[in-house]
Amino acid sequence: MTARSQAAALAAPAVAILGGVAVAPVLAAAWLSLHRSILVFHEQRFAGLDNYRFLVADGRFWSALGTTAYFTAVAVAAELVLGLPVAVLLQRGGGLLRAAVLLPWAVPTAVSARMWAWLFNADYGLLHRILPAVDWLGSPRIALHAAILVDVWKTTPFVALLLLAGLQAIPEEVLQAARVDGARPARVFFSIALPLLRPAILLALLFRSLDAFRVFDAIYVLTEGGPANATETLSIYAYKTLMRSGDFGYGSALSVATFACVVALGLVWLRVLGRRP
């Protein structure tokens, strides 16, 4: 047995498990999306691409896609802007500081979202008492930004952890040489450390963009997609279509469309990540 065939034999069980857990459900959803399947009416028939034709003309789908894209762009940008200075502080701080900063990330998303929902509550919430004129979860304009605030609070430590790993990978000799040449700390950071941190930044953007685009639990706990569908993302729209309306055919088409958007986003970031600076 050659080394390549031996490696393939050793990897085969893991590939089979991955195929059963990840690939099979995607293929099943894609096949179901080609059917009109409404359990309430006991309707089950092959519909071809009818669900996708309806999806293209579905204004609610495009609205959910826009909401998802806006949530992803704003949340990831804020997490990156906040995560970079936090990573610098963590590099200089001790283990206790790092553990404290990571606490929001360690809390389950549903638990943290419920905690923030209490803070946003219009009757007894602390944030509402501080800013009584702001209807955090009842205003269509503010509700989505409240959800973004929750996501930023929750996942900024994760971004900071990735950037911290990038900062620690920068050779100290390079930074020390710049200091010997008379470069000020700000110049050392922006001209040397930040360009060398580019792979870690792109990796953080990749992970967080993919995770934020499929956001479900935080927004569902906070608003369930309301008010007036202002916070309805693709995942929430697909869930409502599947579980509340019982339309498994169109709900599967929405799920496949969400999966396709995530794959496309991942390919774009991987292409950017693979470019040389």
C-alpha atoms as a PDB file:
ATOM      1  CA  MET A   1       0.000   0.000   0.000  1.00  0.00           C
ATOM      2  CA  THR A   2       1.427   3.377  -1.023  1.00  0.00           C
ATOM      3  CA  ALA A   3       1.604   6.336   1.326  1.00  0.00           C
ATOM      4  CA  ARG A   4      -1.143   8.138  -0.593  1.00  0.00           C
ATOM      5  CA  SER A   5      -3.546   5.199  -0.505  1.00  0.00           C
ATOM      6  CA  GLN A   6      -2.799   4.662   3.182  1.00  0.00           C
ATOM      7  CA  ALA A   7      -3.556   8.320   3.894  1.00  0.00           C
ATOM      8  CA  ALA A   8      -6.797   8.051   1.924  1.00  0.00           C
ATOM      9  CA  ALA A   9      -7.820   4.957   3.892  1.00  0.00           C
ATOM     10  CA  LEU A  10      -7.141   6.694   7.183  1.00  0.00           C
ATOM     11  CA  ALA A  11      -9.127   9.783   6.143  1.00  0.00           C
ATOM     12  CA  ALA A  12     -12.047   7.809   4.700  1.00  0.00           C
ATOM     13  CA  PRO A  13     -13.997   7.394   7.995  1.00  0.00           C
ATOM     14  CA  ALA A  14     -13.778  11.129   8.737  1.00  0.00           C
ATOM     15  CA  VAL A  15     -14.835  11.983   5.187  1.00  0.00           C
ATOM     16  CA  ALA A  16     -17.779   9.581   5.421  1.00  0.00           C
ATOM     17  CA  ILE A  17     -18.930  11.099   8.721  1.00  0.00           C
ATOM     18  CA  LEU A  18     -18.540  14.622   7.344  1.00  0.00           C
ATOM     19  CA  GLY A  19     -20.523  13.642   4.273  1.00  0.00           C
ATOM     20  CA  GLY A  20     -23.317  12.191   6.380  1.00  0.00           C
ATOM     21  CA  VAL A  21     -23.472  15.145   8.757  1.00  0.00           C
ATOM     22  CA  ALA A  22     -22.899  18.068   6.374  1.00  0.00           C
ATOM     23  CA  VAL A  23     -23.318  17.113   2.720  1.00  0.00           C
ATOM     24  CA  ALA A  24     -26.356  14.820   2.982  1.00  0.00           C
ATOM     25  CA  PRO A  25     -28.627  17.418   4.675  1.00  0.00           C
ATOM     26  CA  VAL A  26     -27.690  20.026   2.063  1.00  0.00           C
ATOM     27  CA  LEU A  27     -28.534  17.646  -0.769  1.00  0.00           C
ATOM     28  CA  ALA A  28     -31.784  16.677   0.954  1.00  0.00           C
ATOM     29  CA  ALA A  29     -32.754  20.340   1.337  1.00  0.00           C
ATOM     30  CA  ALA A  30     -31.899  21.004  -2.313  1.00  0.00           C
ATOM     31  CA  TRP A  31     -34.086  18.070  -3.405  1.00  0.00           C
ATOM     32  CA  LEU A  32     -36.958  19.170  -1.144  1.00  0.00           C
ATOM     33  CA  SER A  33     -36.722  22.696  -2.558  1.00  0.00           C
ATOM     34  CA  LEU A  34     -37.784  21.280  -5.924  1.00  0.00           C
ATOM     35  CA  HIS A  35     -41.131  20.178  -4.461  1.00  0.00           C
ATOM     36  CA  ARG A  36     -44.289  21.856  -3.304  1.00  0.00           C
ATOM     37  CA  SER A  37     -44.578  20.384   0.168  1.00  0.00           C
ATOM     38  CA  ILE A  38     -47.196  21.811   2.543  1.00  0.00           C
ATOM     39  CA  LEU A  39     -47.961  19.416   5.373  1.00  0.00           C
ATOM     40  CA  VAL A  40     -51.107  21.203   6.570  1.00  0.00           C
ATOM     41  CA  PHE A  41     -52.814  20.638   3.220  1.00  0.00           C
ATOM     42  CA  HIS A  42     -51.190  17.205   2.716  1.00  0.00           C
ATOM     43  CA  GLU A  43     -49.742  18.494  -0.542  1.00  0.00           C
ATOM     44  CA  GLN A  44     -46.603  16.848  -1.863  1.00  0.00           C
ATOM     45  CA  ARG A  45     -45.656  17.073  -5.528  1.00  0.00           C
ATOM     46  CA  PHE A  46     -42.641  17.806  -7.694  1.00  0.00           C
ATOM     47  CA  ALA A  47     -42.588  21.480  -8.723  1.00  0.00           C
ATOM     48  CA  GLY A  48     -39.225  21.834 -10.442  1.00  0.00           C
ATOM     49  CA  LEU A  49     -37.865  25.362 -10.210  1.00  0.00           C
ATOM     50  CA  ASP A  50     -41.203  26.974  -9.265  1.00  0.00           C
ATOM     51  CA  ASN A  51     -40.004  27.770  -5.733  1.00  0.00           C
ATOM     52  CA  TYR A  52     -36.923  29.523  -7.088  1.00  0.00           C
ATOM     53  CA  ARG A  53     -38.975  31.489  -9.608  1.00  0.00           C
ATOM     54  CA  PHE A  54     -41.196  32.655  -6.776  1.00  0.00           C
ATOM     55  CA  LEU A  55     -38.116  33.455  -4.679  1.00  0.00           C
ATOM     56  CA  VAL A  56     -36.687  35.767  -7.347  1.00  0.00           C
ATOM     57  CA  ALA A  57     -39.935  37.779  -7.342  1.00  0.00           C
ATOM     58  CA  ASP A  58     -40.416  37.616  -3.559  1.00  0.00           C
ATOM     59  CA  GLY A  59     -40.003  41.090  -2.097  1.00  0.00           C
ATOM     60  CA  ARG A  60     -39.807  39.705   1.416  1.00  0.00           C
ATOM     61  CA  PHE A  61     -36.809  37.588   0.411  1.00  0.00           C
ATOM     62  CA  TRP A  62     -34.939  40.593  -0.977  1.00  0.00           C
ATOM     63  CA  SER A  63     -35.813  42.593   2.128  1.00  0.00           C
ATOM     64  CA  ALA A  64     -34.459  39.809   4.356  1.00  0.00           C
ATOM     65  CA  LEU A  65     -31.338  39.580   2.181  1.00  0.00           C
ATOM     66  CA  GLY A  66     -30.753  43.323   2.517  1.00  0.00           C
ATOM     67  CA  THR A  67     -31.262  43.159   6.282  1.00  0.00           C
ATOM     68  CA  THR A  68     -28.831  40.247   6.528  1.00  0.00           C
ATOM     69  CA  ALA A  69     -26.199  42.016   4.421  1.00  0.00           C
ATOM     70  CA  TYR A  70     -26.551  45.228   6.443  1.00  0.00           C
ATOM     71  CA  PHE A  71     -26.334  43.351   9.736  1.00  0.00           C
ATOM     72  CA  THR A  72     -23.225  41.493   8.556  1.00  0.00           C
ATOM     73  CA  ALA A  73     -21.424  44.563   7.218  1.00  0.00           C
ATOM     74  CA  VAL A  74     -22.060  46.825  10.208  1.00  0.00           C
ATOM     75  CA  ALA A  75     -21.514  44.181  12.884  1.00  0.00           C
ATOM     76  CA  VAL A  76     -18.294  42.796  11.409  1.00  0.00           C
ATOM     77  CA  ALA A  77     -16.863  46.268  10.786  1.00  0.00           C
ATOM     78  CA  ALA A  78     -17.619  47.350  14.361  1.00  0.00           C
ATOM     79  CA  GLU A  79     -16.146  44.150  15.774  1.00  0.00           C
ATOM     80  CA  LEU A  80     -12.955  44.644  13.792  1.00  0.00           C
ATOM     81  CA  VAL A  81     -12.596  48.291  14.823  1.00  0.00           C
ATOM     82  CA  LEU A  82     -13.162  47.423  18.490  1.00  0.00           C
ATOM     83  CA  GLY A  83     -11.295  44.123  18.428  1.00  0.00           C
ATOM     84  CA  LEU A  84      -7.984  45.605  17.278  1.00  0.00           C
ATOM     85  CA  PRO A  85      -7.398  47.890  20.305  1.00  0.00           C
ATOM     86  CA  VAL A  86      -8.682  45.143  22.589  1.00  0.00           C
ATOM     87  CA  ALA A  87      -6.115  42.757  21.075  1.00  0.00           C
ATOM     88  CA  VAL A  88      -3.352  45.298  21.733  1.00  0.00           C
ATOM     89  CA  LEU A  89      -4.466  45.592  25.369  1.00  0.00           C
ATOM     90  CA  LEU A  90      -4.611  41.821  25.718  1.00  0.00           C
ATOM     91  CA  GLN A  91      -1.073  41.545  24.358  1.00  0.00           C
ATOM     92  CA  ARG A  92       0.150  43.794  27.141  1.00  0.00           C
ATOM     93  CA  GLY A  93      -2.171  42.440  29.833  1.00  0.00           C
ATOM     94  CA  GLY A  94      -2.062  39.268  31.863  1.00  0.00           C
ATOM     95  CA  GLY A  95      -4.082  36.080  31.872  1.00  0.00           C
ATOM     96  CA  LEU A  96      -6.766  37.472  34.184  1.00  0.00           C
ATOM     97  CA  LEU A  97      -7.503  40.327  31.771  1.00  0.00           C
ATOM     98  CA  ARG A  98      -7.731  37.908  28.843  1.00  0.00           C
ATOM     99  CA  ALA A  99     -10.131  35.659  30.735  1.00  0.00           C
ATOM    100  CA  ALA A 100     -12.331  38.633  31.694  1.00  0.00           C
ATOM    101  CA  VAL A 101     -12.509  39.909  28.116  1.00  0.00           C
ATOM    102  CA  LEU A 102     -13.486  36.474  26.812  1.00  0.00           C
ATOM    103  CA  LEU A 103     -16.461  36.127  29.168  1.00  0.00           C
ATOM    104  CA  PRO A 104     -19.064  37.625  26.745  1.00  0.00           C
ATOM    105  CA  TRP A 105     -17.939  35.185  24.047  1.00  0.00           C
ATOM    106  CA  ALA A 106     -18.204  32.251  26.458  1.00  0.00           C
ATOM    107  CA  VAL A 107     -21.838  33.018  27.327  1.00  0.00           C
ATOM    108  CA  PRO A 108     -24.306  31.105  25.084  1.00  0.00           C
ATOM    109  CA  THR A 109     -25.864  33.363  22.468  1.00  0.00           C
ATOM    110  CA  ALA A 110     -29.451  32.694  23.541  1.00  0.00           C
ATOM    111  CA  VAL A 111     -28.592  33.522  27.152  1.00  0.00           C
ATOM    112  CA  SER A 112     -26.814  36.765  26.272  1.00  0.00           C
ATOM    113  CA  ALA A 113     -29.648  37.777  23.918  1.00  0.00           C
ATOM    114  CA  ARG A 114     -32.218  37.196  26.679  1.00  0.00           C
ATOM    115  CA  MET A 115     -30.112  39.267  29.071  1.00  0.00           C
ATOM    116  CA  TRP A 116     -29.993  42.132  26.570  1.00  0.00           C
ATOM    117  CA  ALA A 117     -33.729  41.778  25.932  1.00  0.00           C
ATOM    118  CA  TRP A 118     -34.284  42.492  29.636  1.00  0.00           C
ATOM    119  CA  LEU A 119     -31.973  45.512  29.409  1.00  0.00           C
ATOM    120  CA  PHE A 120     -33.910  46.777  26.376  1.00  0.00           C
ATOM    121  CA  ASN A 121     -37.341  46.118  27.917  1.00  0.00           C
ATOM    122  CA  ALA A 122     -39.637  49.147  27.632  1.00  0.00           C
ATOM    123  CA  ASP A 123     -41.120  48.630  31.111  1.00  0.00           C
ATOM    124  CA  TYR A 124     -38.224  47.799  33.414  1.00  0.00           C
ATOM    125  CA  GLY A 125     -35.079  47.672  31.283  1.00  0.00           C
ATOM    126  CA  LEU A 126     -31.999  49.507  32.543  1.00  0.00           C
ATOM    127  CA  LEU A 127     -31.135  50.953  29.134  1.00  0.00           C
ATOM    128  CA  HIS A 128     -34.701  52.175  28.705  1.00  0.00           C
ATOM    129  CA  ARG A 129     -34.502  53.933  32.076  1.00  0.00           C
ATOM    130  CA  ILE A 130     -31.249  55.608  31.031  1.00  0.00           C
ATOM    131  CA  LEU A 131     -32.649  56.619  27.616  1.00  0.00           C
ATOM    132  CA  PRO A 132     -36.449  56.624  28.028  1.00  0.00           C
ATOM    133  CA  ALA A 133     -36.993  58.271  24.636  1.00  0.00           C
ATOM    134  CA  VAL A 134     -35.427  55.314  22.802  1.00  0.00           C
ATOM    135  CA  ASP A 135     -37.683  52.368  21.995  1.00  0.00           C
ATOM    136  CA  TRP A 136     -34.928  49.814  21.582  1.00  0.00           C
ATOM    137  CA  LEU A 137     -36.916  46.846  20.314  1.00  0.00           C
ATOM    138  CA  GLY A 138     -40.187  48.520  19.274  1.00  0.00           C
ATOM    139  CA  SER A 139     -38.840  50.883  16.649  1.00  0.00           C
ATOM    140  CA  PRO A 140     -38.109  49.408  13.191  1.00  0.00           C
ATOM    141  CA  ARG A 141     -35.134  51.734  12.763  1.00  0.00           C
ATOM    142  CA  ILE A 142     -33.547  51.050  16.140  1.00  0.00           C
ATOM    143  CA  ALA A 143     -34.345  47.352  16.632  1.00  0.00           C
ATOM    144  CA  LEU A 144     -31.849  46.134  14.034  1.00  0.00           C
ATOM    145  CA  HIS A 145     -29.096  48.297  15.518  1.00  0.00           C
ATOM    146  CA  ALA A 146     -29.948  46.959  18.975  1.00  0.00           C
ATOM    147  CA  ALA A 147     -29.404  43.451  17.591  1.00  0.00           C
ATOM    148  CA  ILE A 148     -26.107  44.589  16.071  1.00  0.00           C
ATOM    149  CA  LEU A 149     -25.079  45.946  19.484  1.00  0.00           C
ATOM    150  CA  VAL A 150     -25.750  42.548  21.042  1.00  0.00           C
ATOM    151  CA  ASP A 151     -23.739  40.758  18.361  1.00  0.00           C
ATOM    152  CA  VAL A 152     -20.825  43.191  18.699  1.00  0.00           C
ATOM    153  CA  TRP A 153     -20.772  42.778  22.486  1.00  0.00           C
ATOM    154  CA  LYS A 154     -20.870  39.013  22.125  1.00  0.00           C
ATOM    155  CA  THR A 155     -18.279  38.385  19.409  1.00  0.00           C
ATOM    156  CA  THR A 156     -15.760  41.225  19.656  1.00  0.00           C
ATOM    157  CA  PRO A 157     -13.692  39.091  22.095  1.00  0.00           C
ATOM    158  CA  PHE A 158     -13.467  36.367  19.433  1.00  0.00           C
ATOM    159  CA  VAL A 159     -12.138  38.861  16.880  1.00  0.00           C
ATOM    160  CA  ALA A 160      -9.717  40.221  19.471  1.00  0.00           C
ATOM    161  CA  LEU A 161      -8.478  36.686  20.154  1.00  0.00           C
ATOM    162  CA  LEU A 162      -7.739  36.098  16.468  1.00  0.00           C
ATOM    163  CA  LEU A 163      -5.965  39.433  16.156  1.00  0.00           C
ATOM    164  CA  LEU A 164      -4.016  38.728  19.335  1.00  0.00           C
ATOM    165  CA  ALA A 165      -2.692  35.551  17.740  1.00  0.00           C
ATOM    166  CA  GLY A 166      -1.628  37.611  14.726  1.00  0.00           C
ATOM    167  CA  LEU A 167       0.109  40.193  16.895  1.00  0.00           C
ATOM    168  CA  GLN A 168       2.018  37.533  18.796  1.00  0.00           C
ATOM    169  CA  ALA A 169       3.196  36.015  15.499  1.00  0.00           C
ATOM    170  CA  ILE A 170       4.933  39.247  14.457  1.00  0.00           C
ATOM    171  CA  PRO A 171       8.696  38.900  15.087  1.00  0.00           C
ATOM    172  CA  GLU A 172       9.785  41.169  17.910  1.00  0.00           C
ATOM    173  CA  GLU A 173      13.074  41.787  16.114  1.00  0.00           C
ATOM    174  CA  VAL A 174      11.273  43.645  13.314  1.00  0.00           C
ATOM    175  CA  LEU A 175       9.500  45.964  15.741  1.00  0.00           C
ATOM    176  CA  GLN A 176      12.649  46.457  17.794  1.00  0.00           C
ATOM    177  CA  ALA A 177      14.617  47.428  14.691  1.00  0.00           C
ATOM    178  CA  ALA A 178      12.053  50.116  13.862  1.00  0.00           C
ATOM    179  CA  ARG A 179      12.272  51.491  17.393  1.00  0.00           C
ATOM    180  CA  VAL A 180      16.077  51.595  17.166  1.00  0.00           C
ATOM    181  CA  ASP A 181      15.756  53.604  13.929  1.00  0.00           C
ATOM    182  CA  GLY A 182      13.759  56.194  15.865  1.00  0.00           C
ATOM    183  CA  ALA A 183      10.208  55.289  14.808  1.00  0.00           C
ATOM    184  CA  ARG A 184       7.544  56.331  17.270  1.00  0.00           C
ATOM    185  CA  PRO A 185       5.125  53.737  18.697  1.00  0.00           C
ATOM    186  CA  ALA A 186       2.241  54.922  16.493  1.00  0.00           C
ATOM    187  CA  ARG A 187       4.440  54.747  13.384  1.00  0.00           C
ATOM    188  CA  VAL A 188       5.666  51.268  14.352  1.00  0.00           C
ATOM    189  CA  PHE A 189       2.101  50.054  14.755  1.00  0.00           C
ATOM    190  CA  PHE A 190       0.547  51.555  11.620  1.00  0.00           C
ATOM    191  CA  SER A 191       3.501  51.135   9.264  1.00  0.00           C
ATOM    192  CA  ILE A 192       4.870  47.770  10.389  1.00  0.00           C
ATOM    193  CA  ALA A 193       2.593  45.838  12.750  1.00  0.00           C
ATOM    194  CA  LEU A 194      -0.693  46.566  10.958  1.00  0.00           C
ATOM    195  CA  PRO A 195       0.495  45.447   7.478  1.00  0.00           C
ATOM    196  CA  LEU A 196       1.945  42.277   9.011  1.00  0.00           C
ATOM    197  CA  LEU A 197      -1.406  41.728  10.726  1.00  0.00           C
ATOM    198  CA  ARG A 198      -3.259  41.601   7.379  1.00  0.00           C
ATOM    199  CA  PRO A 199      -3.635  37.769   7.252  1.00  0.00           C
ATOM    200  CA  ALA A 200      -5.112  37.702  10.772  1.00  0.00           C
ATOM    201  CA  ILE A 201      -7.498  40.553   9.916  1.00  0.00           C
ATOM    202  CA  LEU A 202      -8.693  38.799   6.768  1.00  0.00           C
ATOM    203  CA  LEU A 203      -9.117  35.548   8.674  1.00  0.00           C
ATOM    204  CA  ALA A 204     -11.218  37.330  11.298  1.00  0.00           C
ATOM    205  CA  LEU A 205     -13.296  38.914   8.525  1.00  0.00           C
ATOM    206  CA  LEU A 206     -13.811  35.500   6.937  1.00  0.00           C
ATOM    207  CA  PHE A 207     -14.946  33.757  10.115  1.00  0.00           C
ATOM    208  CA  ARG A 208     -17.146  36.583  11.353  1.00  0.00           C
ATOM    209  CA  SER A 209     -18.746  37.348   7.982  1.00  0.00           C
ATOM    210  CA  LEU A 210     -19.813  33.734   7.523  1.00  0.00           C
ATOM    211  CA  ASP A 211     -21.095  33.545  11.086  1.00  0.00           C
ATOM    212  CA  ALA A 212     -22.916  36.886  11.014  1.00  0.00           C
ATOM    213  CA  PHE A 213     -24.584  36.219   7.658  1.00  0.00           C
ATOM    214  CA  ARG A 214     -26.398  33.186   9.049  1.00  0.00           C
ATOM    215  CA  VAL A 215     -27.406  34.923  12.294  1.00  0.00           C
ATOM    216  CA  PHE A 216     -30.549  33.501  13.849  1.00  0.00           C
ATOM    217  CA  ASP A 217     -30.593  32.923  17.597  1.00  0.00           C
ATOM    218  CA  ALA A 218     -29.675  36.417  18.832  1.00  0.00           C
ATOM    219  CA  ILE A 219     -32.245  38.211  16.674  1.00  0.00           C
ATOM    220  CA  TYR A 220     -34.911  35.557  17.218  1.00  0.00           C
ATOM    221  CA  VAL A 221     -34.625  35.846  21.000  1.00  0.00           C
ATOM    222  CA  LEU A 222     -34.662  39.649  20.839  1.00  0.00           C
ATOM    223  CA  THR A 223     -37.402  40.397  18.296  1.00  0.00           C
ATOM    224  CA  GLU A 224     -38.335  37.221  16.359  1.00  0.00           C
ATOM    225  CA  GLY A 225     -37.763  39.284  13.224  1.00  0.00           C
ATOM    226  CA  GLY A 226     -39.986  42.210  14.202  1.00  0.00           C
ATOM    227  CA  PRO A 227     -41.152  44.873  14.417  1.00  0.00           C
ATOM    228  CA  ALA A 228     -42.702  44.901  10.931  1.00  0.00           C
ATOM    229  CA  ASN A 229     -40.022  42.421   9.734  1.00  0.00           C
ATOM    230  CA  ALA A 230     -37.372  45.106  10.304  1.00  0.00           C
ATOM    231  CA  THR A 231     -34.962  42.562  11.807  1.00  0.00           C
ATOM    232  CA  GLU A 232     -35.973  39.560   9.730  1.00  0.00           C
ATOM    233  CA  THR A 233     -32.866  37.895   8.297  1.00  0.00           C
ATOM    234  CA  LEU A 234     -32.735  35.089   5.751  1.00  0.00           C
ATOM    235  CA  SER A 235     -32.399  32.449   8.467  1.00  0.00           C
ATOM    236  CA  ILE A 236     -35.421  33.750  10.365  1.00  0.00           C
ATOM    237  CA  TYR A 237     -37.498  34.013   7.184  1.00  0.00           C
ATOM    238  CA  ALA A 238     -36.608  30.437   6.275  1.00  0.00           C
ATOM    239  CA  TYR A 239     -37.467  29.264   9.809  1.00  0.00           C
ATOM    240  CA  LYS A 240     -40.861  30.991   9.767  1.00  0.00           C
ATOM    241  CA  THR A 241     -41.670  29.548   6.345  1.00  0.00           C
ATOM    242  CA  LEU A 242     -40.646  26.049   7.389  1.00  0.00           C
ATOM    243  CA  MET A 243     -41.932  25.784  10.950  1.00  0.00           C
ATOM    244  CA  ARG A 244     -44.784  28.280  11.153  1.00  0.00           C
ATOM    245  CA  SER A 245     -46.235  28.230   7.654  1.00  0.00           C
ATOM    246  CA  GLY A 246     -45.413  24.565   7.124  1.00  0.00           C
ATOM    247  CA  ASP A 247     -44.223  25.237   3.566  1.00  0.00           C
ATOM    248  CA  PHE A 248     -41.247  22.895   3.477  1.00  0.00           C
ATOM    249  CA  GLY A 249     -40.671  23.284  -0.248  1.00  0.00           C
ATOM    250  CA  TYR A 250     -40.282  27.055  -0.311  1.00  0.00           C
ATOM    251  CA  GLY A 251     -38.607  27.045   3.105  1.00  0.00           C
ATOM    252  CA  SER A 252     -35.998  24.657   1.730  1.00  0.00           C
ATOM    253  CA  ALA A 253     -35.498  26.942  -1.271  1.00  0.00           C
ATOM    254  CA  LEU A 254     -34.847  29.819   1.143  1.00  0.00           C
ATOM    255  CA  SER A 255     -32.384  27.647   3.045  1.00  0.00           C
ATOM    256  CA  VAL A 256     -30.565  26.703  -0.149  1.00  0.00           C
ATOM    257  CA  ALA A 257     -30.415  30.365  -1.181  1.00  0.00           C
ATOM    258  CA  THR A 258     -28.956  31.259   2.221  1.00  0.00           C
ATOM    259  CA  PHE A 259     -26.402  28.473   1.884  1.00  0.00           C
ATOM    260  CA  ALA A 260     -25.464  29.682  -1.599  1.00  0.00           C
ATOM    261  CA  CYS A 261     -24.960  33.240  -0.319  1.00  0.00           C
ATOM    262  CA  VAL A 262     -22.727  31.997   2.512  1.00  0.00           C
ATOM    263  CA  VAL A 263     -20.659  29.901   0.071  1.00  0.00           C
ATOM    264  CA  ALA A 264     -20.288  32.848  -2.314  1.00  0.00           C
ATOM    265  CA  LEU A 265     -19.241  35.122   0.539  1.00  0.00           C
ATOM    266  CA  GLY A 266     -16.726  32.560   1.743  1.00  0.00           C
ATOM    267  CA  LEU A 267     -15.228  32.145  -1.736  1.00  0.00           C
ATOM    268  CA  VAL A 268     -14.815  35.916  -2.077  1.00  0.00           C
ATOM    269  CA  TRP A 269     -12.990  36.182   1.244  1.00  0.00           C
ATOM    270  CA  LEU A 270     -10.832  33.139   0.464  1.00  0.00           C
ATOM    271  CA  ARG A 271      -9.848  34.720  -2.827  1.00  0.00           C
ATOM    272  CA  VAL A 272      -8.915  37.939  -1.026  1.00  0.00           C
ATOM    273  CA  LEU A 273      -7.096  35.972   1.674  1.00  0.00           C
ATOM    274  CA  GLY A 274      -5.075  34.105  -0.954  1.00  0.00           C
ATOM    275  CA  ARG A 275      -3.759  37.274  -2.589  1.00  0.00           C
ATOM    276  CA  ARG A 276      -0.282  38.401  -1.722  1.00  0.00           C
ATOM    277  CA  PRO A 277      -0.023  41.874  -0.219  1.00  0.00           C
END
